Amino acid sequence: MRKFSLMLPLLGLATSGCISTATTIVKAPFQVAGKAIDWTTTSQSESDRNYGRKMRKQEAREGRERKNAAKECRKHPDDQEACRYSGYRAGY
């Protein structure tokens, strides 16, 4: 009986590794599915970041167009076509 009482804690320690491995194996498919969903969807913060990047590029393009239009107008002040800047509409 005494040997059995000493082996019981050792048996518990030996099987804890098996339980941990079994838990990992059971959780693996759910973790993989979660990663796949994360890769295929766009979070709100990613969407906001991408929209901000797009708008900054468009504003930079508008600034370049406005600068070029002003430059052309200074070169040819009498030409109405050169001095007409219709403006840039963001998002188009």
PDB file of N, CA and C in Angstrom:
ATOM      1  N   MET A   1       0.815  -1.179   0.000  1.00  0.00           N
ATOM      2  CA  MET A   1       0.000   0.000   0.000  1.00  0.00           C
ATOM      3  C   MET A   1       0.868   1.255   0.000  1.00  0.00           C
ATOM      4  N   ARG A   2       1.977   1.154   0.721  1.00  0.00           N
ATOM      5  CA  ARG A   2       2.846   2.311   0.811  1.00  0.00           C
ATOM      6  C   ARG A   2       3.471   2.632  -0.547  1.00  0.00           C
ATOM      7  N   LYS A   3       3.841   1.619  -1.333  1.00  0.00           N
ATOM      8  CA  LYS A   3       4.410   1.848  -2.657  1.00  0.00           C
ATOM      9  C   LYS A   3       3.389   2.526  -3.565  1.00  0.00           C
ATOM     10  N   PHE A   4       2.157   2.104  -3.438  1.00  0.00           N
ATOM     11  CA  PHE A   4       1.089   2.678  -4.259  1.00  0.00           C
ATOM     12  C   PHE A   4       0.888   4.162  -3.939  1.00  0.00           C
ATOM     13  N   SER A   5       0.974   4.541  -2.663  1.00  0.00           N
ATOM     14  CA  SER A   5       0.784   5.938  -2.273  1.00  0.00           C
ATOM     15  C   SER A   5       1.941   6.811  -2.754  1.00  0.00           C
ATOM     16  N   LEU A   6       3.132   6.233  -2.905  1.00  0.00           N
ATOM     17  CA  LEU A   6       4.262   6.981  -3.438  1.00  0.00           C
ATOM     18  C   LEU A   6       4.193   7.078  -4.959  1.00  0.00           C
ATOM     19  N   MET A   7       3.651   6.088  -5.621  1.00  0.00           N
ATOM     20  CA  MET A   7       3.576   6.076  -7.075  1.00  0.00           C
ATOM     21  C   MET A   7       2.452   6.958  -7.607  1.00  0.00           C
ATOM     22  N   LEU A   8       1.433   7.198  -6.796  1.00  0.00           N
ATOM     23  CA  LEU A   8       0.301   7.986  -7.246  1.00  0.00           C
ATOM     24  C   LEU A   8       0.702   9.413  -7.642  1.00  0.00           C
ATOM     25  N   PRO A   9       1.489  10.137  -6.848  1.00  0.00           N
ATOM     26  CA  PRO A   9       1.907  11.483  -7.276  1.00  0.00           C
ATOM     27  C   PRO A   9       2.803  11.442  -8.512  1.00  0.00           C
ATOM     28  N   LEU A  10       3.652  10.425  -8.596  1.00  0.00           N
ATOM     29  CA  LEU A  10       4.504  10.297  -9.776  1.00  0.00           C
ATOM     30  C   LEU A  10       3.679  10.022 -11.023  1.00  0.00           C
ATOM     31  N   LEU A  11       2.657   9.229 -10.857  1.00  0.00           N
ATOM     32  CA  LEU A  11       1.763   8.943 -11.974  1.00  0.00           C
ATOM     33  C   LEU A  11       1.050  10.215 -12.429  1.00  0.00           C
ATOM     34  N   GLY A  12       0.657  11.025 -11.483  1.00  0.00           N
ATOM     35  CA  GLY A  12       0.013  12.302 -11.802  1.00  0.00           C
ATOM     36  C   GLY A  12       0.937  13.232 -12.573  1.00  0.00           C
ATOM     37  N   LEU A  13       2.204  13.296 -12.176  1.00  0.00           N
ATOM     38  CA  LEU A  13       3.170  14.126 -12.883  1.00  0.00           C
ATOM     39  C   LEU A  13       3.437  13.594 -14.291  1.00  0.00           C
ATOM     40  N   ALA A  14       3.489  12.301 -14.428  1.00  0.00           N
ATOM     41  CA  ALA A  14       3.764  11.697 -15.726  1.00  0.00           C
ATOM     42  C   ALA A  14       2.617  11.931 -16.702  1.00  0.00           C
ATOM     43  N   THR A  15       1.394  11.882 -16.220  1.00  0.00           N
ATOM     44  CA  THR A  15       0.253  12.049 -17.123  1.00  0.00           C
ATOM     45  C   THR A  15      -0.076  13.513 -17.395  1.00  0.00           C
ATOM     46  N   SER A  16       0.478  14.450 -16.629  1.00  0.00           N
ATOM     47  CA  SER A  16       0.192  15.866 -16.882  1.00  0.00           C
ATOM     48  C   SER A  16       0.730  16.290 -18.238  1.00  0.00           C
ATOM     49  N   GLY A  17       1.858  15.733 -18.644  1.00  0.00           N
ATOM     50  CA  GLY A  17       2.394  16.024 -19.971  1.00  0.00           C
ATOM     51  C   GLY A  17       1.483  15.500 -21.059  1.00  0.00           C
ATOM     52  N   CYS A  18       0.900  14.332 -20.849  1.00  0.00           N
ATOM     53  CA  CYS A  18      -0.024  13.754 -21.826  1.00  0.00           C
ATOM     54  C   CYS A  18      -1.278  14.609 -21.938  1.00  0.00           C
ATOM     55  N   ILE A  19      -1.761  15.097 -20.814  1.00  0.00           N
ATOM     56  CA  ILE A  19      -2.964  15.931 -20.827  1.00  0.00           C
ATOM     57  C   ILE A  19      -2.681  17.246 -21.538  1.00  0.00           C
ATOM     58  N   SER A  20      -1.513  17.807 -21.299  1.00  0.00           N
ATOM     59  CA  SER A  20      -1.130  19.051 -21.959  1.00  0.00           C
ATOM     60  C   SER A  20      -1.038  18.851 -23.470  1.00  0.00           C
ATOM     61  N   THR A  21      -0.443  17.755 -23.898  1.00  0.00           N
ATOM     62  CA  THR A  21      -0.328  17.450 -25.322  1.00  0.00           C
ATOM     63  C   THR A  21      -1.702  17.241 -25.936  1.00  0.00           C
ATOM     64  N   ALA A  22      -2.553  16.518 -25.234  1.00  0.00           N
ATOM     65  CA  ALA A  22      -3.905  16.278 -25.745  1.00  0.00           C
ATOM     66  C   ALA A  22      -4.670  17.585 -25.881  1.00  0.00           C
ATOM     67  N   THR A  23      -4.516  18.480 -24.923  1.00  0.00           N
ATOM     68  CA  THR A  23      -5.178  19.782 -24.991  1.00  0.00           C
ATOM     69  C   THR A  23      -4.684  20.579 -26.189  1.00  0.00           C
ATOM     70  N   THR A  24      -3.396  20.545 -26.423  1.00  0.00           N
ATOM     71  CA  THR A  24      -2.821  21.250 -27.559  1.00  0.00           C
ATOM     72  C   THR A  24      -3.358  20.690 -28.871  1.00  0.00           C
ATOM     73  N   ILE A  25      -3.461  19.383 -28.974  1.00  0.00           N
ATOM     74  CA  ILE A  25      -3.961  18.749 -30.193  1.00  0.00           C
ATOM     75  C   ILE A  25      -5.425  19.105 -30.422  1.00  0.00           C
ATOM     76  N   VAL A  26      -6.201  19.165 -29.367  1.00  0.00           N
ATOM     77  CA  VAL A  26      -7.622  19.492 -29.510  1.00  0.00           C
ATOM     78  C   VAL A  26      -7.804  20.953 -29.909  1.00  0.00           C
ATOM     79  N   LYS A  27      -6.976  21.857 -29.367  1.00  0.00           N
ATOM     80  CA  LYS A  27      -7.122  23.280 -29.646  1.00  0.00           C
ATOM     81  C   LYS A  27      -6.576  23.674 -31.014  1.00  0.00           C
ATOM     82  N   ALA A  28      -5.686  22.909 -31.596  1.00  0.00           N
ATOM     83  CA  ALA A  28      -4.993  23.281 -32.830  1.00  0.00           C
ATOM     84  C   ALA A  28      -5.938  23.615 -33.991  1.00  0.00           C
ATOM     85  N   PRO A  29      -6.953  22.797 -34.308  1.00  0.00           N
ATOM     86  CA  PRO A  29      -7.807  23.147 -35.441  1.00  0.00           C
ATOM     87  C   PRO A  29      -8.536  24.483 -35.256  1.00  0.00           C
ATOM     88  N   PHE A  30      -8.925  24.790 -34.028  1.00  0.00           N
ATOM     89  CA  PHE A  30      -9.619  26.051 -33.776  1.00  0.00           C
ATOM     90  C   PHE A  30      -8.679  27.242 -33.928  1.00  0.00           C
ATOM     91  N   GLN A  31      -7.442  27.064 -33.504  1.00  0.00           N
ATOM     92  CA  GLN A  31      -6.463  28.132 -33.647  1.00  0.00           C
ATOM     93  C   GLN A  31      -6.142  28.377 -35.113  1.00  0.00           C
ATOM     94  N   VAL A  32      -6.023  27.310 -35.894  1.00  0.00           N
ATOM     95  CA  VAL A  32      -5.745  27.450 -37.326  1.00  0.00           C
ATOM     96  C   VAL A  32      -6.912  28.149 -38.013  1.00  0.00           C
ATOM     97  N   ALA A  33      -8.130  27.768 -37.673  1.00  0.00           N
ATOM     98  CA  ALA A  33      -9.308  28.411 -38.269  1.00  0.00           C
ATOM     99  C   ALA A  33      -9.350  29.892 -37.893  1.00  0.00           C
ATOM    100  N   GLY A  34      -9.008  30.226 -36.678  1.00  0.00           N
ATOM    101  CA  GLY A  34      -8.984  31.623 -36.252  1.00  0.00           C
ATOM    102  C   GLY A  34      -7.965  32.437 -37.023  1.00  0.00           C
ATOM    103  N   LYS A  35      -6.797  31.873 -37.254  1.00  0.00           N
ATOM    104  CA  LYS A  35      -5.768  32.560 -38.036  1.00  0.00           C
ATOM    105  C   LYS A  35      -6.233  32.774 -39.468  1.00  0.00           C
ATOM    106  N   ALA A  36      -6.866  31.766 -40.055  1.00  0.00           N
ATOM    107  CA  ALA A  36      -7.354  31.887 -41.431  1.00  0.00           C
ATOM    108  C   ALA A  36      -8.392  33.000 -41.540  1.00  0.00           C
ATOM    109  N   ILE A  37      -9.266  33.100 -40.570  1.00  0.00           N
ATOM    110  CA  ILE A  37     -10.276  34.158 -40.595  1.00  0.00           C
ATOM    111  C   ILE A  37      -9.612  35.521 -40.431  1.00  0.00           C
ATOM    112  N   ASP A  38      -8.612  35.623 -39.564  1.00  0.00           N
ATOM    113  CA  ASP A  38      -7.894  36.892 -39.393  1.00  0.00           C
ATOM    114  C   ASP A  38      -7.212  37.322 -40.683  1.00  0.00           C
ATOM    115  N   TRP A  39      -6.647  36.383 -41.413  1.00  0.00           N
ATOM    116  CA  TRP A  39      -5.958  36.713 -42.661  1.00  0.00           C
ATOM    117  C   TRP A  39      -6.927  37.137 -43.757  1.00  0.00           C
ATOM    118  N   THR A  40      -8.139  36.600 -43.759  1.00  0.00           N
ATOM    119  CA  THR A  40      -9.066  36.885 -44.854  1.00  0.00           C
ATOM    120  C   THR A  40      -9.953  38.090 -44.606  1.00  0.00           C
ATOM    121  N   THR A  41     -10.047  38.573 -43.391  1.00  0.00           N
ATOM    122  CA  THR A  41     -10.905  39.721 -43.102  1.00  0.00           C
ATOM    123  C   THR A  41     -10.058  40.944 -42.785  1.00  0.00           C
ATOM    124  N   THR A  42     -10.654  42.106 -42.974  1.00  0.00           N
ATOM    125  CA  THR A  42      -9.984  43.364 -42.684  1.00  0.00           C
ATOM    126  C   THR A  42     -10.616  43.970 -41.447  1.00  0.00           C
ATOM    127  N   SER A  43      -9.811  44.247 -40.463  1.00  0.00           N
ATOM    128  CA  SER A  43     -10.330  44.844 -39.238  1.00  0.00           C
ATOM    129  C   SER A  43     -10.643  46.319 -39.478  1.00  0.00           C
ATOM    130  N   GLN A  44     -11.365  46.914 -38.566  1.00  0.00           N
ATOM    131  CA  GLN A  44     -11.716  48.326 -38.698  1.00  0.00           C
ATOM    132  C   GLN A  44     -10.475  49.204 -38.647  1.00  0.00           C
ATOM    133  N   SER A  45      -9.515  48.862 -37.810  1.00  0.00           N
ATOM    134  CA  SER A  45      -8.295  49.676 -37.726  1.00  0.00           C
ATOM    135  C   SER A  45      -7.486  49.581 -39.020  1.00  0.00           C
ATOM    136  N   GLU A  46      -7.435  48.396 -39.621  1.00  0.00           N
ATOM    137  CA  GLU A  46      -6.747  48.258 -40.913  1.00  0.00           C
ATOM    138  C   GLU A  46      -7.455  49.069 -41.987  1.00  0.00           C
ATOM    139  N   SER A  47      -8.769  49.022 -41.973  1.00  0.00           N
ATOM    140  CA  SER A  47      -9.553  49.777 -42.947  1.00  0.00           C
ATOM    141  C   SER A  47      -9.308  51.273 -42.792  1.00  0.00           C
ATOM    142  N   ASP A  48      -9.306  51.754 -41.559  1.00  0.00           N
ATOM    143  CA  ASP A  48      -9.048  53.173 -41.299  1.00  0.00           C
ATOM    144  C   ASP A  48      -7.650  53.568 -41.745  1.00  0.00           C
ATOM    145  N   ARG A  49      -6.683  52.719 -41.461  1.00  0.00           N
ATOM    146  CA  ARG A  49      -5.301  53.001 -41.843  1.00  0.00           C
ATOM    147  C   ARG A  49      -5.160  53.066 -43.372  1.00  0.00           C
ATOM    148  N   ASN A  50      -5.786  52.120 -44.064  1.00  0.00           N
ATOM    149  CA  ASN A  50      -5.710  52.108 -45.518  1.00  0.00           C
ATOM    150  C   ASN A  50      -6.405  53.324 -46.122  1.00  0.00           C
ATOM    151  N   TYR A  51      -7.550  53.710 -45.554  1.00  0.00           N
ATOM    152  CA  TYR A  51      -8.265  54.880 -46.057  1.00  0.00           C
ATOM    153  C   TYR A  51      -7.436  56.145 -45.841  1.00  0.00           C
ATOM    154  N   GLY A  52      -6.816  56.264 -44.673  1.00  0.00           N
ATOM    155  CA  GLY A  52      -5.971  57.422 -44.398  1.00  0.00           C
ATOM    156  C   GLY A  52      -4.803  57.505 -45.365  1.00  0.00           C
ATOM    157  N   ARG A  53      -4.194  56.376 -45.671  1.00  0.00           N
ATOM    158  CA  ARG A  53      -3.075  56.347 -46.619  1.00  0.00           C
ATOM    159  C   ARG A  53      -3.550  56.785 -48.002  1.00  0.00           C
ATOM    160  N   LYS A  54      -4.705  56.292 -48.408  1.00  0.00           N
ATOM    161  CA  LYS A  54      -5.261  56.644 -49.718  1.00  0.00           C
ATOM    162  C   LYS A  54      -5.541  58.148 -49.799  1.00  0.00           C
ATOM    163  N   MET A  55      -6.126  58.702 -48.743  1.00  0.00           N
ATOM    164  CA  MET A  55      -6.451  60.127 -48.758  1.00  0.00           C
ATOM    165  C   MET A  55      -5.188  60.986 -48.744  1.00  0.00           C
ATOM    166  N   ARG A  56      -4.150  60.575 -48.015  1.00  0.00           N
ATOM    167  CA  ARG A  56      -2.902  61.340 -48.026  1.00  0.00           C
ATOM    168  C   ARG A  56      -2.283  61.357 -49.414  1.00  0.00           C
ATOM    169  N   LYS A  57      -2.336  60.223 -50.120  1.00  0.00           N
ATOM    170  CA  LYS A  57      -1.803  60.181 -51.484  1.00  0.00           C
ATOM    171  C   LYS A  57      -2.598  61.096 -52.405  1.00  0.00           C
ATOM    172  N   GLN A  58      -3.921  61.095 -52.264  1.00  0.00           N
ATOM    173  CA  GLN A  58      -4.752  61.943 -53.103  1.00  0.00           C
ATOM    174  C   GLN A  58      -4.513  63.421 -52.808  1.00  0.00           C
ATOM    175  N   GLU A  59      -4.344  63.770 -51.535  1.00  0.00           N
ATOM    176  CA  GLU A  59      -4.074  65.155 -51.176  1.00  0.00           C
ATOM    177  C   GLU A  59      -2.711  65.597 -51.692  1.00  0.00           C
ATOM    178  N   ALA A  60      -1.736  64.702 -51.683  1.00  0.00           N
ATOM    179  CA  ALA A  60      -0.413  65.027 -52.225  1.00  0.00           C
ATOM    180  C   ALA A  60      -0.512  65.257 -53.732  1.00  0.00           C
ATOM    181  N   ARG A  61      -1.310  64.430 -54.407  1.00  0.00           N
ATOM    182  CA  ARG A  61      -1.501  64.599 -55.841  1.00  0.00           C
ATOM    183  C   ARG A  61      -2.198  65.929 -56.134  1.00  0.00           C
ATOM    184  N   GLU A  62      -3.187  66.279 -55.325  1.00  0.00           N
ATOM    185  CA  GLU A  62      -3.888  67.548 -55.498  1.00  0.00           C
ATOM    186  C   GLU A  62      -2.927  68.721 -55.318  1.00  0.00           C
ATOM    187  N   GLY A  63      -2.059  68.629 -54.329  1.00  0.00           N
ATOM    188  CA  GLY A  63      -1.076  69.687 -54.105  1.00  0.00           C
ATOM    189  C   GLY A  63      -0.141  69.849 -55.286  1.00  0.00           C
ATOM    190  N   ARG A  64       0.305  68.732 -55.857  1.00  0.00           N
ATOM    191  CA  ARG A  64       1.180  68.804 -57.038  1.00  0.00           C
ATOM    192  C   ARG A  64       0.448  69.419 -58.219  1.00  0.00           C
ATOM    193  N   GLU A  65      -0.813  69.020 -58.432  1.00  0.00           N
ATOM    194  CA  GLU A  65      -1.593  69.573 -59.544  1.00  0.00           C
ATOM    195  C   GLU A  65      -1.818  71.069 -59.354  1.00  0.00           C
ATOM    196  N   ARG A  66      -2.139  71.489 -58.142  1.00  0.00           N
ATOM    197  CA  ARG A  66      -2.376  72.901 -57.867  1.00  0.00           C
ATOM    198  C   ARG A  66      -1.092  73.704 -58.075  1.00  0.00           C
ATOM    199  N   LYS A  67       0.032  73.156 -57.658  1.00  0.00           N
ATOM    200  CA  LYS A  67       1.320  73.829 -57.828  1.00  0.00           C
ATOM    201  C   LYS A  67       1.667  73.963 -59.311  1.00  0.00           C
ATOM    202  N   ASN A  68       1.454  72.887 -60.073  1.00  0.00           N
ATOM    203  CA  ASN A  68       1.727  72.942 -61.509  1.00  0.00           C
ATOM    204  C   ASN A  68       0.802  73.917 -62.215  1.00  0.00           C
ATOM    205  N   ALA A  69      -0.460  73.972 -61.806  1.00  0.00           N
ATOM    206  CA  ALA A  69      -1.416  74.903 -62.425  1.00  0.00           C
ATOM    207  C   ALA A  69      -1.002  76.342 -62.146  1.00  0.00           C
ATOM    208  N   ALA A  70      -0.575  76.628 -60.918  1.00  0.00           N
ATOM    209  CA  ALA A  70      -0.129  77.986 -60.581  1.00  0.00           C
ATOM    210  C   ALA A  70       1.120  78.359 -61.368  1.00  0.00           C
ATOM    211  N   LYS A  71       2.000  77.405 -61.551  1.00  0.00           N
ATOM    212  CA  LYS A  71       3.233  77.635 -62.308  1.00  0.00           C
ATOM    213  C   LYS A  71       2.909  77.963 -63.771  1.00  0.00           C
ATOM    214  N   GLU A  72       1.990  77.201 -64.361  1.00  0.00           N
ATOM    215  CA  GLU A  72       1.579  77.449 -65.745  1.00  0.00           C
ATOM    216  C   GLU A  72       0.892  78.800 -65.881  1.00  0.00           C
ATOM    217  N   CYS A  73       0.109  79.171 -64.886  1.00  0.00           N
ATOM    218  CA  CYS A  73      -0.572  80.453 -64.927  1.00  0.00           C
ATOM    219  C   CYS A  73       0.430  81.605 -64.844  1.00  0.00           C
ATOM    220  N   ARG A  74       1.483  81.447 -64.052  1.00  0.00           N
ATOM    221  CA  ARG A  74       2.512  82.487 -63.981  1.00  0.00           C
ATOM    222  C   ARG A  74       3.285  82.600 -65.290  1.00  0.00           C
ATOM    223  N   LYS A  75       3.484  81.453 -65.970  1.00  0.00           N
ATOM    224  CA  LYS A  75       4.208  81.474 -67.249  1.00  0.00           C
ATOM    225  C   LYS A  75       3.386  82.156 -68.340  1.00  0.00           C
ATOM    226  N   HIS A  76       2.085  81.881 -68.340  1.00  0.00           N
ATOM    227  CA  HIS A  76       1.193  82.396 -69.384  1.00  0.00           C
ATOM    228  C   HIS A  76      -0.017  83.086 -68.725  1.00  0.00           C
ATOM    229  N   PRO A  77       0.161  84.275 -68.211  1.00  0.00           N
ATOM    230  CA  PRO A  77      -0.944  84.926 -67.490  1.00  0.00           C
ATOM    231  C   PRO A  77      -2.112  85.328 -68.401  1.00  0.00           C
ATOM    232  N   ASP A  78      -1.879  85.514 -69.687  1.00  0.00           N
ATOM    233  CA  ASP A  78      -2.948  85.922 -70.595  1.00  0.00           C
ATOM    234  C   ASP A  78      -3.778  84.745 -71.092  1.00  0.00           C
ATOM    235  N   ASP A  79      -3.237  83.546 -70.981  1.00  0.00           N
ATOM    236  CA  ASP A  79      -3.938  82.347 -71.464  1.00  0.00           C
ATOM    237  C   ASP A  79      -4.957  81.897 -70.413  1.00  0.00           C
ATOM    238  N   GLN A  80      -6.220  82.010 -70.774  1.00  0.00           N
ATOM    239  CA  GLN A  80      -7.288  81.628 -69.842  1.00  0.00           C
ATOM    240  C   GLN A  80      -7.281  80.134 -69.537  1.00  0.00           C
ATOM    241  N   GLU A  81      -6.908  79.316 -70.506  1.00  0.00           N
ATOM    242  CA  GLU A  81      -6.859  77.860 -70.287  1.00  0.00           C
ATOM    243  C   GLU A  81      -5.781  77.482 -69.279  1.00  0.00           C
ATOM    244  N   ALA A  82      -4.650  78.163 -69.348  1.00  0.00           N
ATOM    245  CA  ALA A  82      -3.550  77.856 -68.436  1.00  0.00           C
ATOM    246  C   ALA A  82      -3.885  78.278 -67.012  1.00  0.00           C
ATOM    247  N   CYS A  83      -4.688  79.324 -66.859  1.00  0.00           N
ATOM    248  CA  CYS A  83      -5.018  79.825 -65.522  1.00  0.00           C
ATOM    249  C   CYS A  83      -6.291  79.210 -64.954  1.00  0.00           C
ATOM    250  N   ARG A  84      -6.919  78.361 -65.697  1.00  0.00           N
ATOM    251  CA  ARG A  84      -8.135  77.725 -65.196  1.00  0.00           C
ATOM    252  C   ARG A  84      -7.762  76.433 -64.480  1.00  0.00           C
ATOM    253  N   TYR A  85      -8.025  76.422 -63.220  1.00  0.00           N
ATOM    254  CA  TYR A  85      -7.796  75.207 -62.426  1.00  0.00           C
ATOM    255  C   TYR A  85      -9.133  74.809 -61.847  1.00  0.00           C
ATOM    256  N   SER A  86      -9.646  73.696 -62.327  1.00  0.00           N
ATOM    257  CA  SER A  86     -10.976  73.271 -61.889  1.00  0.00           C
ATOM    258  C   SER A  86     -10.942  72.600 -60.524  1.00  0.00           C
ATOM    259  N   GLY A  87      -9.775  72.275 -60.066  1.00  0.00           N
ATOM    260  CA  GLY A  87      -9.661  71.662 -58.740  1.00  0.00           C
ATOM    261  C   GLY A  87      -9.635  70.161 -58.809  1.00  0.00           C
ATOM    262  N   TYR A  88      -9.237  69.601 -57.742  1.00  0.00           N
ATOM    263  CA  TYR A  88      -9.123  68.150 -57.621  1.00  0.00           C
ATOM    264  C   TYR A  88     -10.193  67.671 -56.657  1.00  0.00           C
ATOM    265  N   ARG A  89     -10.886  66.648 -57.052  1.00  0.00           N
ATOM    266  CA  ARG A  89     -11.917  66.080 -56.170  1.00  0.00           C
ATOM    267  C   ARG A  89     -11.400  64.781 -55.585  1.00  0.00           C
ATOM    268  N   ALA A  90     -11.216  64.772 -54.283  1.00  0.00           N
ATOM    269  CA  ALA A  90     -10.689  63.599 -53.606  1.00  0.00           C
ATOM    270  C   ALA A  90     -11.672  62.449 -53.715  1.00  0.00           C
ATOM    271  N   GLY A  91     -11.146  61.265 -53.881  1.00  0.00           N
ATOM    272  CA  GLY A  91     -11.983  60.069 -53.963  1.00  0.00           C
ATOM    273  C   GLY A  91     -12.334  59.659 -55.374  1.00  0.00           C
ATOM    274  N   TYR A  92     -11.873  60.437 -56.358  1.00  0.00           N
ATOM    275  CA  TYR A  92     -12.178  60.098 -57.757  1.00  0.00           C
ATOM    276  C   TYR A  92     -10.924  59.818 -58.522  1.00  0.00           C
TER     277      TYR A  92
END
